[in-house]
Amino acid sequence: MPKSKKVDLKNLEPEEQLKYEIAEELGLLDKVVAEGWKSLSAKETGRIGGLMTKKKKEMKDKARQEDEERESLIEELL
């Protein structure tokens, strides 16, 4: 019988929050909450990890693009 800790989904570190969001998108959140992360198959876990990596890269690229746009705007104003 798996040990399950009660997880406060509203007070998580950003990376943990992302992991739970992706699990929810994939329809795995109920399984994770009820049985824990160890109940997932390797395929399910890999899918979550892959999507986390993809979203982190997208967020990093977006932040870099916003920084470049901000710098360009500052240069135009000066």
PDB file of N, CA and C in Angstrom:
ATOM      1  N   MET A   1       0.843  -1.186   0.000  1.00  0.00           N
ATOM      2  CA  MET A   1       0.000   0.000   0.000  1.00  0.00           C
ATOM      3  C   MET A   1       0.883   1.242   0.000  1.00  0.00           C
ATOM      4  N   PRO A   2       0.748   2.077  -1.017  1.00  0.00           N
ATOM      5  CA  PRO A   2       1.636   3.241  -1.104  1.00  0.00           C
ATOM      6  C   PRO A   2       1.351   4.265  -0.020  1.00  0.00           C
ATOM      7  N   LYS A   3       2.434   4.876   0.439  1.00  0.00           N
ATOM      8  CA  LYS A   3       2.297   5.963   1.393  1.00  0.00           C
ATOM      9  C   LYS A   3       2.008   7.221   0.596  1.00  0.00           C
ATOM     10  N   SER A   4       0.973   7.934   0.977  1.00  0.00           N
ATOM     11  CA  SER A   4       0.673   9.160   0.240  1.00  0.00           C
ATOM     12  C   SER A   4       0.668  10.334   1.197  1.00  0.00           C
ATOM     13  N   LYS A   5       1.398  11.356   0.801  1.00  0.00           N
ATOM     14  CA  LYS A   5       1.420  12.598   1.557  1.00  0.00           C
ATOM     15  C   LYS A   5       0.396  13.520   0.939  1.00  0.00           C
ATOM     16  N   LYS A   6      -0.245  14.308   1.757  1.00  0.00           N
ATOM     17  CA  LYS A   6      -1.154  15.313   1.234  1.00  0.00           C
ATOM     18  C   LYS A   6      -0.308  16.437   0.648  1.00  0.00           C
ATOM     19  N   VAL A   7      -0.565  16.778  -0.582  1.00  0.00           N
ATOM     20  CA  VAL A   7       0.200  17.804  -1.275  1.00  0.00           C
ATOM     21  C   VAL A   7      -0.679  19.029  -1.462  1.00  0.00           C
ATOM     22  N   ASP A   8      -0.173  20.167  -1.040  1.00  0.00           N
ATOM     23  CA  ASP A   8      -0.882  21.427  -1.257  1.00  0.00           C
ATOM     24  C   ASP A   8      -0.494  21.932  -2.642  1.00  0.00           C
ATOM     25  N   LEU A   9      -1.358  21.714  -3.608  1.00  0.00           N
ATOM     26  CA  LEU A   9      -1.053  22.044  -4.998  1.00  0.00           C
ATOM     27  C   LEU A   9      -0.919  23.538  -5.243  1.00  0.00           C
ATOM     28  N   LYS A  10      -1.327  24.351  -4.283  1.00  0.00           N
ATOM     29  CA  LYS A  10      -1.239  25.803  -4.459  1.00  0.00           C
ATOM     30  C   LYS A  10       0.052  26.377  -3.895  1.00  0.00           C
ATOM     31  N   ASN A  11       0.758  25.621  -3.072  1.00  0.00           N
ATOM     32  CA  ASN A  11       2.000  26.112  -2.462  1.00  0.00           C
ATOM     33  C   ASN A  11       3.167  25.208  -2.827  1.00  0.00           C
ATOM     34  N   LEU A  12       3.498  25.189  -4.103  1.00  0.00           N
ATOM     35  CA  LEU A  12       4.601  24.370  -4.598  1.00  0.00           C
ATOM     36  C   LEU A  12       5.672  25.257  -5.200  1.00  0.00           C
ATOM     37  N   GLU A  13       6.884  24.727  -5.238  1.00  0.00           N
ATOM     38  CA  GLU A  13       7.955  25.392  -5.967  1.00  0.00           C
ATOM     39  C   GLU A  13       7.556  25.423  -7.442  1.00  0.00           C
ATOM     40  N   PRO A  14       8.029  26.414  -8.192  1.00  0.00           N
ATOM     41  CA  PRO A  14       7.619  26.525  -9.608  1.00  0.00           C
ATOM     42  C   PRO A  14       7.839  25.251 -10.423  1.00  0.00           C
ATOM     43  N   GLU A  15       8.965  24.583 -10.214  1.00  0.00           N
ATOM     44  CA  GLU A  15       9.241  23.371 -10.986  1.00  0.00           C
ATOM     45  C   GLU A  15       8.274  22.245 -10.614  1.00  0.00           C
ATOM     46  N   GLU A  16       7.979  22.104  -9.326  1.00  0.00           N
ATOM     47  CA  GLU A  16       7.019  21.098  -8.880  1.00  0.00           C
ATOM     48  C   GLU A  16       5.631  21.422  -9.415  1.00  0.00           C
ATOM     49  N   GLN A  17       5.278  22.701  -9.401  1.00  0.00           N
ATOM     50  CA  GLN A  17       3.982  23.129  -9.902  1.00  0.00           C
ATOM     51  C   GLN A  17       3.848  22.774 -11.379  1.00  0.00           C
ATOM     52  N   LEU A  18       4.906  23.005 -12.137  1.00  0.00           N
ATOM     53  CA  LEU A  18       4.911  22.669 -13.555  1.00  0.00           C
ATOM     54  C   LEU A  18       4.695  21.169 -13.751  1.00  0.00           C
ATOM     55  N   LYS A  19       5.354  20.378 -12.928  1.00  0.00           N
ATOM     56  CA  LYS A  19       5.231  18.921 -13.025  1.00  0.00           C
ATOM     57  C   LYS A  19       3.780  18.481 -12.787  1.00  0.00           C
ATOM     58  N   TYR A  20       3.152  19.043 -11.779  1.00  0.00           N
ATOM     59  CA  TYR A  20       1.760  18.705 -11.498  1.00  0.00           C
ATOM     60  C   TYR A  20       0.827  19.202 -12.601  1.00  0.00           C
ATOM     61  N   GLU A  21       1.108  20.389 -13.156  1.00  0.00           N
ATOM     62  CA  GLU A  21       0.284  20.918 -14.240  1.00  0.00           C
ATOM     63  C   GLU A  21       0.336  19.997 -15.453  1.00  0.00           C
ATOM     64  N   ILE A  22       1.523  19.516 -15.768  1.00  0.00           N
ATOM     65  CA  ILE A  22       1.669  18.621 -16.919  1.00  0.00           C
ATOM     66  C   ILE A  22       0.980  17.292 -16.641  1.00  0.00           C
ATOM     67  N   ALA A  23       1.121  16.793 -15.433  1.00  0.00           N
ATOM     68  CA  ALA A  23       0.423  15.553 -15.074  1.00  0.00           C
ATOM     69  C   ALA A  23      -1.086  15.730 -15.260  1.00  0.00           C
ATOM     70  N   GLU A  24      -1.583  16.894 -14.890  1.00  0.00           N
ATOM     71  CA  GLU A  24      -3.013  17.170 -15.060  1.00  0.00           C
ATOM     72  C   GLU A  24      -3.378  17.211 -16.542  1.00  0.00           C
ATOM     73  N   GLU A  25      -2.556  17.883 -17.349  1.00  0.00           N
ATOM     74  CA  GLU A  25      -2.805  17.961 -18.793  1.00  0.00           C
ATOM     75  C   GLU A  25      -2.867  16.575 -19.423  1.00  0.00           C
ATOM     76  N   LEU A  26      -2.047  15.668 -18.913  1.00  0.00           N
ATOM     77  CA  LEU A  26      -1.996  14.315 -19.464  1.00  0.00           C
ATOM     78  C   LEU A  26      -3.038  13.386 -18.838  1.00  0.00           C
ATOM     79  N   GLY A  27      -3.826  13.904 -17.915  1.00  0.00           N
ATOM     80  CA  GLY A  27      -4.853  13.087 -17.268  1.00  0.00           C
ATOM     81  C   GLY A  27      -4.306  12.153 -16.207  1.00  0.00           C
ATOM     82  N   LEU A  28      -3.139  12.470 -15.659  1.00  0.00           N
ATOM     83  CA  LEU A  28      -2.492  11.603 -14.682  1.00  0.00           C
ATOM     84  C   LEU A  28      -2.525  12.153 -13.264  1.00  0.00           C
ATOM     85  N   LEU A  29      -3.056  13.330 -13.067  1.00  0.00           N
ATOM     86  CA  LEU A  29      -3.003  13.969 -11.758  1.00  0.00           C
ATOM     87  C   LEU A  29      -3.729  13.151 -10.694  1.00  0.00           C
ATOM     88  N   ASP A  30      -4.911  12.640 -11.006  1.00  0.00           N
ATOM     89  CA  ASP A  30      -5.649  11.849 -10.017  1.00  0.00           C
ATOM     90  C   ASP A  30      -4.851  10.626  -9.576  1.00  0.00           C
ATOM     91  N   LYS A  31      -4.200   9.989 -10.525  1.00  0.00           N
ATOM     92  CA  LYS A  31      -3.386   8.811 -10.223  1.00  0.00           C
ATOM     93  C   LYS A  31      -2.205   9.184  -9.329  1.00  0.00           C
ATOM     94  N   VAL A  32      -1.562  10.312  -9.635  1.00  0.00           N
ATOM     95  CA  VAL A  32      -0.412  10.778  -8.856  1.00  0.00           C
ATOM     96  C   VAL A  32      -0.830  11.128  -7.436  1.00  0.00           C
ATOM     97  N   VAL A  33      -1.942  11.838  -7.308  1.00  0.00           N
ATOM     98  CA  VAL A  33      -2.408  12.248  -5.983  1.00  0.00           C
ATOM     99  C   VAL A  33      -2.811  11.021  -5.158  1.00  0.00           C
ATOM    100  N   ALA A  34      -3.481  10.075  -5.785  1.00  0.00           N
ATOM    101  CA  ALA A  34      -3.959   8.894  -5.069  1.00  0.00           C
ATOM    102  C   ALA A  34      -2.852   7.895  -4.742  1.00  0.00           C
ATOM    103  N   GLU A  35      -1.926   7.670  -5.699  1.00  0.00           N
ATOM    104  CA  GLU A  35      -0.957   6.592  -5.551  1.00  0.00           C
ATOM    105  C   GLU A  35       0.502   7.033  -5.534  1.00  0.00           C
ATOM    106  N   GLY A  36       0.761   8.291  -5.813  1.00  0.00           N
ATOM    107  CA  GLY A  36       2.134   8.790  -5.810  1.00  0.00           C
ATOM    108  C   GLY A  36       2.791   8.702  -7.173  1.00  0.00           C
ATOM    109  N   TRP A  37       3.933   9.383  -7.281  1.00  0.00           N
ATOM    110  CA  TRP A  37       4.663   9.424  -8.556  1.00  0.00           C
ATOM    111  C   TRP A  37       5.178   8.053  -8.960  1.00  0.00           C
ATOM    112  N   LYS A  38       5.461   7.184  -7.994  1.00  0.00           N
ATOM    113  CA  LYS A  38       6.000   5.853  -8.313  1.00  0.00           C
ATOM    114  C   LYS A  38       4.986   4.966  -9.021  1.00  0.00           C
ATOM    115  N   SER A  39       3.713   5.359  -9.000  1.00  0.00           N
ATOM    116  CA  SER A  39       2.691   4.548  -9.655  1.00  0.00           C
ATOM    117  C   SER A  39       2.680   4.745 -11.170  1.00  0.00           C
ATOM    118  N   LEU A  40       3.403   5.750 -11.654  1.00  0.00           N
ATOM    119  CA  LEU A  40       3.434   6.015 -13.093  1.00  0.00           C
ATOM    120  C   LEU A  40       4.384   5.064 -13.801  1.00  0.00           C
ATOM    121  N   SER A  41       4.066   4.764 -15.037  1.00  0.00           N
ATOM    122  CA  SER A  41       4.956   3.927 -15.848  1.00  0.00           C
ATOM    123  C   SER A  41       6.145   4.770 -16.310  1.00  0.00           C
ATOM    124  N   ALA A  42       7.161   4.102 -16.804  1.00  0.00           N
ATOM    125  CA  ALA A  42       8.330   4.812 -17.323  1.00  0.00           C
ATOM    126  C   ALA A  42       7.930   5.700 -18.498  1.00  0.00           C
ATOM    127  N   LYS A  43       7.014   5.241 -19.312  1.00  0.00           N
ATOM    128  CA  LYS A  43       6.545   6.022 -20.460  1.00  0.00           C
ATOM    129  C   LYS A  43       5.853   7.297 -19.988  1.00  0.00           C
ATOM    130  N   GLU A  44       4.992   7.180 -18.970  1.00  0.00           N
ATOM    131  CA  GLU A  44       4.287   8.349 -18.441  1.00  0.00           C
ATOM    132  C   GLU A  44       5.260   9.334 -17.809  1.00  0.00           C
ATOM    133  N   THR A  45       6.198   8.819 -17.043  1.00  0.00           N
ATOM    134  CA  THR A  45       7.191   9.667 -16.391  1.00  0.00           C
ATOM    135  C   THR A  45       8.061  10.372 -17.428  1.00  0.00           C
ATOM    136  N   GLY A  46       8.455   9.657 -18.440  1.00  0.00           N
ATOM    137  CA  GLY A  46       9.263  10.241 -19.507  1.00  0.00           C
ATOM    138  C   GLY A  46       8.514  11.318 -20.255  1.00  0.00           C
ATOM    139  N   ARG A  47       7.234  11.106 -20.463  1.00  0.00           N
ATOM    140  CA  ARG A  47       6.425  12.111 -21.155  1.00  0.00           C
ATOM    141  C   ARG A  47       6.348  13.397 -20.336  1.00  0.00           C
ATOM    142  N   ILE A  48       6.153  13.246 -19.021  1.00  0.00           N
ATOM    143  CA  ILE A  48       6.112  14.415 -18.144  1.00  0.00           C
ATOM    144  C   ILE A  48       7.450  15.147 -18.184  1.00  0.00           C
ATOM    145  N   GLY A  49       8.545  14.412 -18.068  1.00  0.00           N
ATOM    146  CA  GLY A  49       9.873  15.018 -18.101  1.00  0.00           C
ATOM    147  C   GLY A  49      10.151  15.726 -19.419  1.00  0.00           C
ATOM    148  N   GLY A  50       9.751  15.103 -20.511  1.00  0.00           N
ATOM    149  CA  GLY A  50       9.958  15.710 -21.821  1.00  0.00           C
ATOM    150  C   GLY A  50       9.170  17.000 -21.988  1.00  0.00           C
ATOM    151  N   LEU A  51       7.930  16.988 -21.520  1.00  0.00           N
ATOM    152  CA  LEU A  51       7.107  18.192 -21.625  1.00  0.00           C
ATOM    153  C   LEU A  51       7.606  19.289 -20.687  1.00  0.00           C
ATOM    154  N   MET A  52       8.122  18.900 -19.528  1.00  0.00           N
ATOM    155  CA  MET A  52       8.709  19.899 -18.618  1.00  0.00           C
ATOM    156  C   MET A  52       9.892  20.579 -19.288  1.00  0.00           C
ATOM    157  N   THR A  53      10.753  19.801 -19.911  1.00  0.00           N
ATOM    158  CA  THR A  53      11.923  20.346 -20.595  1.00  0.00           C
ATOM    159  C   THR A  53      11.503  21.282 -21.714  1.00  0.00           C
ATOM    160  N   LYS A  54      10.509  20.871 -22.480  1.00  0.00           N
ATOM    161  CA  LYS A  54      10.014  21.686 -23.590  1.00  0.00           C
ATOM    162  C   LYS A  54       9.455  23.017 -23.076  1.00  0.00           C
ATOM    163  N   LYS A  55       8.641  22.959 -22.020  1.00  0.00           N
ATOM    164  CA  LYS A  55       8.043  24.188 -21.498  1.00  0.00           C
ATOM    165  C   LYS A  55       9.085  25.103 -20.873  1.00  0.00           C
ATOM    166  N   LYS A  56      10.077  24.531 -20.183  1.00  0.00           N
ATOM    167  CA  LYS A  56      11.145  25.356 -19.602  1.00  0.00           C
ATOM    168  C   LYS A  56      11.910  26.076 -20.703  1.00  0.00           C
ATOM    169  N   LYS A  57      12.202  25.362 -21.800  1.00  0.00           N
ATOM    170  CA  LYS A  57      12.919  25.971 -22.920  1.00  0.00           C
ATOM    171  C   LYS A  57      12.090  27.087 -23.540  1.00  0.00           C
ATOM    172  N   GLU A  58      10.791  26.848 -23.706  1.00  0.00           N
ATOM    173  CA  GLU A  58       9.912  27.875 -24.269  1.00  0.00           C
ATOM    174  C   GLU A  58       9.881  29.107 -23.374  1.00  0.00           C
ATOM    175  N   MET A  59       9.820  28.904 -22.061  1.00  0.00           N
ATOM    176  CA  MET A  59       9.788  30.025 -21.127  1.00  0.00           C
ATOM    177  C   MET A  59      11.105  30.801 -21.170  1.00  0.00           C
ATOM    178  N   LYS A  60      12.215  30.081 -21.267  1.00  0.00           N
ATOM    179  CA  LYS A  60      13.526  30.722 -21.333  1.00  0.00           C
ATOM    180  C   LYS A  60      13.656  31.533 -22.626  1.00  0.00           C
ATOM    181  N   ASP A  61      13.225  30.945 -23.740  1.00  0.00           N
ATOM    182  CA  ASP A  61      13.287  31.643 -25.029  1.00  0.00           C
ATOM    183  C   ASP A  61      12.403  32.886 -25.023  1.00  0.00           C
ATOM    184  N   LYS A  62      11.227  32.777 -24.428  1.00  0.00           N
ATOM    185  CA  LYS A  62      10.313  33.918 -24.353  1.00  0.00           C
ATOM    186  C   LYS A  62      10.922  35.039 -23.510  1.00  0.00           C
ATOM    187  N   ALA A  63      11.534  34.685 -22.377  1.00  0.00           N
ATOM    188  CA  ALA A  63      12.158  35.685 -21.514  1.00  0.00           C
ATOM    189  C   ALA A  63      13.313  36.364 -22.237  1.00  0.00           C
ATOM    190  N   ARG A  64      14.111  35.586 -22.975  1.00  0.00           N
ATOM    191  CA  ARG A  64      15.227  36.153 -23.726  1.00  0.00           C
ATOM    192  C   ARG A  64      14.723  37.104 -24.810  1.00  0.00           C
ATOM    193  N   GLN A  65      13.658  36.716 -25.493  1.00  0.00           N
ATOM    194  CA  GLN A  65      13.086  37.565 -26.541  1.00  0.00           C
ATOM    195  C   GLN A  65      12.550  38.865 -25.937  1.00  0.00           C
ATOM    196  N   GLU A  66      11.893  38.775 -24.795  1.00  0.00           N
ATOM    197  CA  GLU A  66      11.377  39.979 -24.136  1.00  0.00           C
ATOM    198  C   GLU A  66      12.519  40.903 -23.713  1.00  0.00           C
ATOM    199  N   ASP A  67      13.618  40.312 -23.231  1.00  0.00           N
ATOM    200  CA  ASP A  67      14.784  41.112 -22.851  1.00  0.00           C
ATOM    201  C   ASP A  67      15.362  41.831 -24.064  1.00  0.00           C
ATOM    202  N   GLU A  68      15.464  41.114 -25.176  1.00  0.00           N
ATOM    203  CA  GLU A  68      16.003  41.718 -26.397  1.00  0.00           C
ATOM    204  C   GLU A  68      15.102  42.849 -26.891  1.00  0.00           C
ATOM    205  N   GLU A  69      13.788  42.650 -26.821  1.00  0.00           N
ATOM    206  CA  GLU A  69      12.850  43.686 -27.245  1.00  0.00           C
ATOM    207  C   GLU A  69      12.948  44.903 -26.338  1.00  0.00           C
ATOM    208  N   ARG A  70      13.098  44.672 -25.047  1.00  0.00           N
ATOM    209  CA  ARG A  70      13.219  45.765 -24.084  1.00  0.00           C
ATOM    210  C   ARG A  70      14.503  46.555 -24.336  1.00  0.00           C
ATOM    211  N   GLU A  71      15.611  45.838 -24.562  1.00  0.00           N
ATOM    212  CA  GLU A  71      16.886  46.505 -24.857  1.00  0.00           C
ATOM    213  C   GLU A  71      16.796  47.310 -26.153  1.00  0.00           C
ATOM    214  N   SER A  72      16.133  46.762 -27.147  1.00  0.00           N
ATOM    215  CA  SER A  72      15.973  47.459 -28.427  1.00  0.00           C
ATOM    216  C   SER A  72      15.152  48.733 -28.239  1.00  0.00           C
ATOM    217  N   LEU A  73      14.096  48.641 -27.454  1.00  0.00           N
ATOM    218  CA  LEU A  73      13.260  49.809 -27.186  1.00  0.00           C
ATOM    219  C   LEU A  73      14.047  50.881 -26.433  1.00  0.00           C
ATOM    220  N   ILE A  74      14.856  50.476 -25.477  1.00  0.00           N
ATOM    221  CA  ILE A  74      15.672  51.426 -24.708  1.00  0.00           C
ATOM    222  C   ILE A  74      16.654  52.120 -25.647  1.00  0.00           C
ATOM    223  N   GLU A  75      17.282  51.370 -26.534  1.00  0.00           N
ATOM    224  CA  GLU A  75      18.234  51.955 -27.478  1.00  0.00           C
ATOM    225  C   GLU A  75      17.538  52.969 -28.392  1.00  0.00           C
ATOM    226  N   GLU A  76      16.315  52.666 -28.811  1.00  0.00           N
ATOM    227  CA  GLU A  76      15.566  53.585 -29.664  1.00  0.00           C
ATOM    228  C   GLU A  76      15.244  54.886 -28.927  1.00  0.00           C
ATOM    229  N   LEU A  77      14.948  54.769 -27.655  1.00  0.00           N
ATOM    230  CA  LEU A  77      14.597  55.953 -26.853  1.00  0.00           C
ATOM    231  C   LEU A  77      15.802  56.825 -26.540  1.00  0.00           C
ATOM    232  N   LEU A  78      16.970  56.234 -26.533  1.00  0.00           N
ATOM    233  CA  LEU A  78      18.195  57.007 -26.222  1.00  0.00           C
ATOM    234  C   LEU A  78      18.766  57.558 -27.450  1.00  0.00           C
TER     235      LEU A  78
END
